[in-house]
């Protein structure tokens, strides 16, 4: 009886050690994957910071005004170019067209 108990204890110990060994290697692999993902995330954060800085530089009003003046043939608007739209009533009735014919009764 004692011999069986010792063999069962040794077998349980070996199985537990094997399971612990496998779990340890799985955890190390997951830690390496986490470190790689964190490094990638940090790279993306840095890239976003650089892109925001470039965007701020490229969209400066003074720079855009100089580019527009140099590349666009724009002139000030002359009063003759302005047209006024006819006055329309404001409100929900302006959106509804009246129905003509028998439907009005």
Protein backbone atom coordinates (compact mmCIF):
# COMPACT_ATOMS: atom_id res chain seq x y z
CA UNK A 1 0.00 0.00 0.00
CA UNK A 2 2.80 2.37 0.90
CA UNK A 3 4.55 1.64 -2.38
CA UNK A 4 1.44 2.63 -4.41
CA UNK A 5 1.10 5.83 -2.45
CA UNK A 6 4.74 6.74 -3.16
CA UNK A 7 4.33 5.97 -6.90
CA UNK A 8 1.13 8.03 -7.08
CA UNK A 9 2.85 10.90 -5.26
CA UNK A 10 5.84 10.80 -7.63
CA UNK A 11 3.57 10.67 -10.69
CA UNK A 12 1.51 13.60 -9.37
CA UNK A 13 4.70 15.53 -8.69
CA UNK A 14 6.02 14.87 -12.23
CA UNK A 15 2.70 15.90 -13.83
CA UNK A 16 2.58 19.05 -11.70
CA UNK A 17 6.18 19.94 -12.63
CA UNK A 18 5.46 19.37 -16.34
CA UNK A 19 2.32 21.56 -16.15
CA UNK A 20 4.26 24.26 -14.31
CA UNK A 21 7.04 24.11 -16.90
CA UNK A 22 4.54 24.51 -19.77
CA UNK A 23 2.73 27.38 -18.06
CA UNK A 24 6.05 29.13 -17.39
CA UNK A 25 7.02 28.98 -21.06
CA UNK A 26 3.58 30.13 -22.16
CA UNK A 27 3.78 33.11 -19.78
CA UNK A 28 7.25 34.03 -21.07
CA UNK A 29 5.96 33.92 -24.64
CA UNK A 30 3.02 36.13 -23.72
CA UNK A 31 5.37 38.56 -21.94
CA UNK A 32 7.53 38.79 -25.09
CA UNK A 33 4.40 39.37 -27.19
CA UNK A 34 3.22 42.06 -24.75
CA UNK A 35 6.62 43.78 -24.88
CA UNK A 36 6.54 43.74 -28.69
CA UNK A 37 3.01 45.17 -28.73
CA UNK A 38 3.99 47.88 -26.23
CA UNK A 39 6.98 48.79 -28.38
CA UNK A 40 4.74 48.96 -31.46
CA UNK A 41 2.21 51.09 -29.58
CA UNK A 42 4.97 53.46 -28.48
CA UNK A 43 6.17 53.70 -32.09
CA UNK A 44 2.64 54.59 -33.21
CA UNK A 45 2.32 57.23 -30.47
CA UNK A 46 5.60 58.78 -31.60
CA UNK A 47 4.50 58.70 -35.25
CA UNK A 48 1.22 60.41 -34.34
CA UNK A 49 3.13 63.08 -32.43
CA UNK A 50 5.39 63.73 -35.43
CA UNK A 51 2.42 63.83 -37.82
CA UNK A 52 0.57 66.31 -35.61
CA UNK A 53 3.66 68.49 -35.50
CA UNK A 54 4.00 68.34 -39.30
CA UNK A 55 0.29 69.12 -39.69
CA UNK A 56 0.65 72.17 -37.45
CA UNK A 57 3.65 73.34 -39.47
CA UNK A 58 1.94 72.80 -42.84
CA UNK A 59 -1.35 74.49 -41.87
CA UNK A 60 0.10 77.72 -40.47
CA UNK A 61 -2.10 80.59 -41.72
CA UNK A 62 0.88 82.66 -42.91
CA UNK A 63 2.23 79.73 -44.95
CA UNK A 64 -1.19 78.98 -46.46
CA UNK A 65 -1.71 82.64 -47.34
CA UNK A 66 1.67 82.77 -49.11
CA UNK A 67 0.90 79.58 -51.03
CA UNK A 68 -2.54 80.84 -52.04
CA UNK A 69 -1.13 84.18 -53.17
CA UNK A 70 1.57 82.47 -55.20
CA UNK A 71 -0.47 79.62 -56.75
CA UNK A 72 -4.09 80.78 -56.96
CA UNK A 73 -5.18 83.52 -59.38
CA UNK A 74 -7.63 85.05 -56.90
CA UNK A 75 -8.85 88.63 -56.98
CA UNK A 76 -11.08 90.54 -54.58
CA UNK A 77 -14.81 90.10 -55.18
CA UNK A 78 -16.35 92.96 -57.15
CA UNK A 79 -19.76 94.27 -56.09
CA UNK A 80 -21.18 93.31 -59.50
CA UNK A 81 -20.39 89.67 -58.77
CA UNK A 82 -22.70 89.56 -55.72
CA UNK A 83 -26.29 88.48 -56.39
CA UNK A 84 -29.06 88.45 -53.83
CA UNK A 85 -31.53 85.59 -53.73
CA UNK A 86 -35.22 86.46 -53.70
CA UNK A 87 -36.79 86.62 -50.25
CA UNK A 88 -38.53 83.40 -49.28
CA UNK A 89 -40.82 82.94 -46.29
CA UNK A 90 -39.07 81.35 -43.35
CA UNK A 91 -40.65 78.46 -41.48
CA UNK A 92 -42.22 75.08 -42.10
CA UNK A 93 -44.71 76.43 -44.65
CA UNK A 94 -41.79 77.42 -46.89
CA UNK A 95 -40.94 73.74 -47.29
CA UNK A 96 -44.45 72.54 -48.16
CA UNK A 97 -45.74 73.10 -51.66
CA UNK A 98 -49.48 73.74 -51.97
CA UNK A 99 -51.52 71.03 -53.68
CA UNK A 100 -53.80 72.24 -56.44
CA UNK A 101 -57.01 70.64 -57.59
CA UNK A 102 -59.53 68.47 -55.76
CA UNK A 103 -57.24 67.57 -52.89
CA UNK A 104 -57.70 71.00 -51.24
CA UNK A 105 -61.37 70.41 -50.39
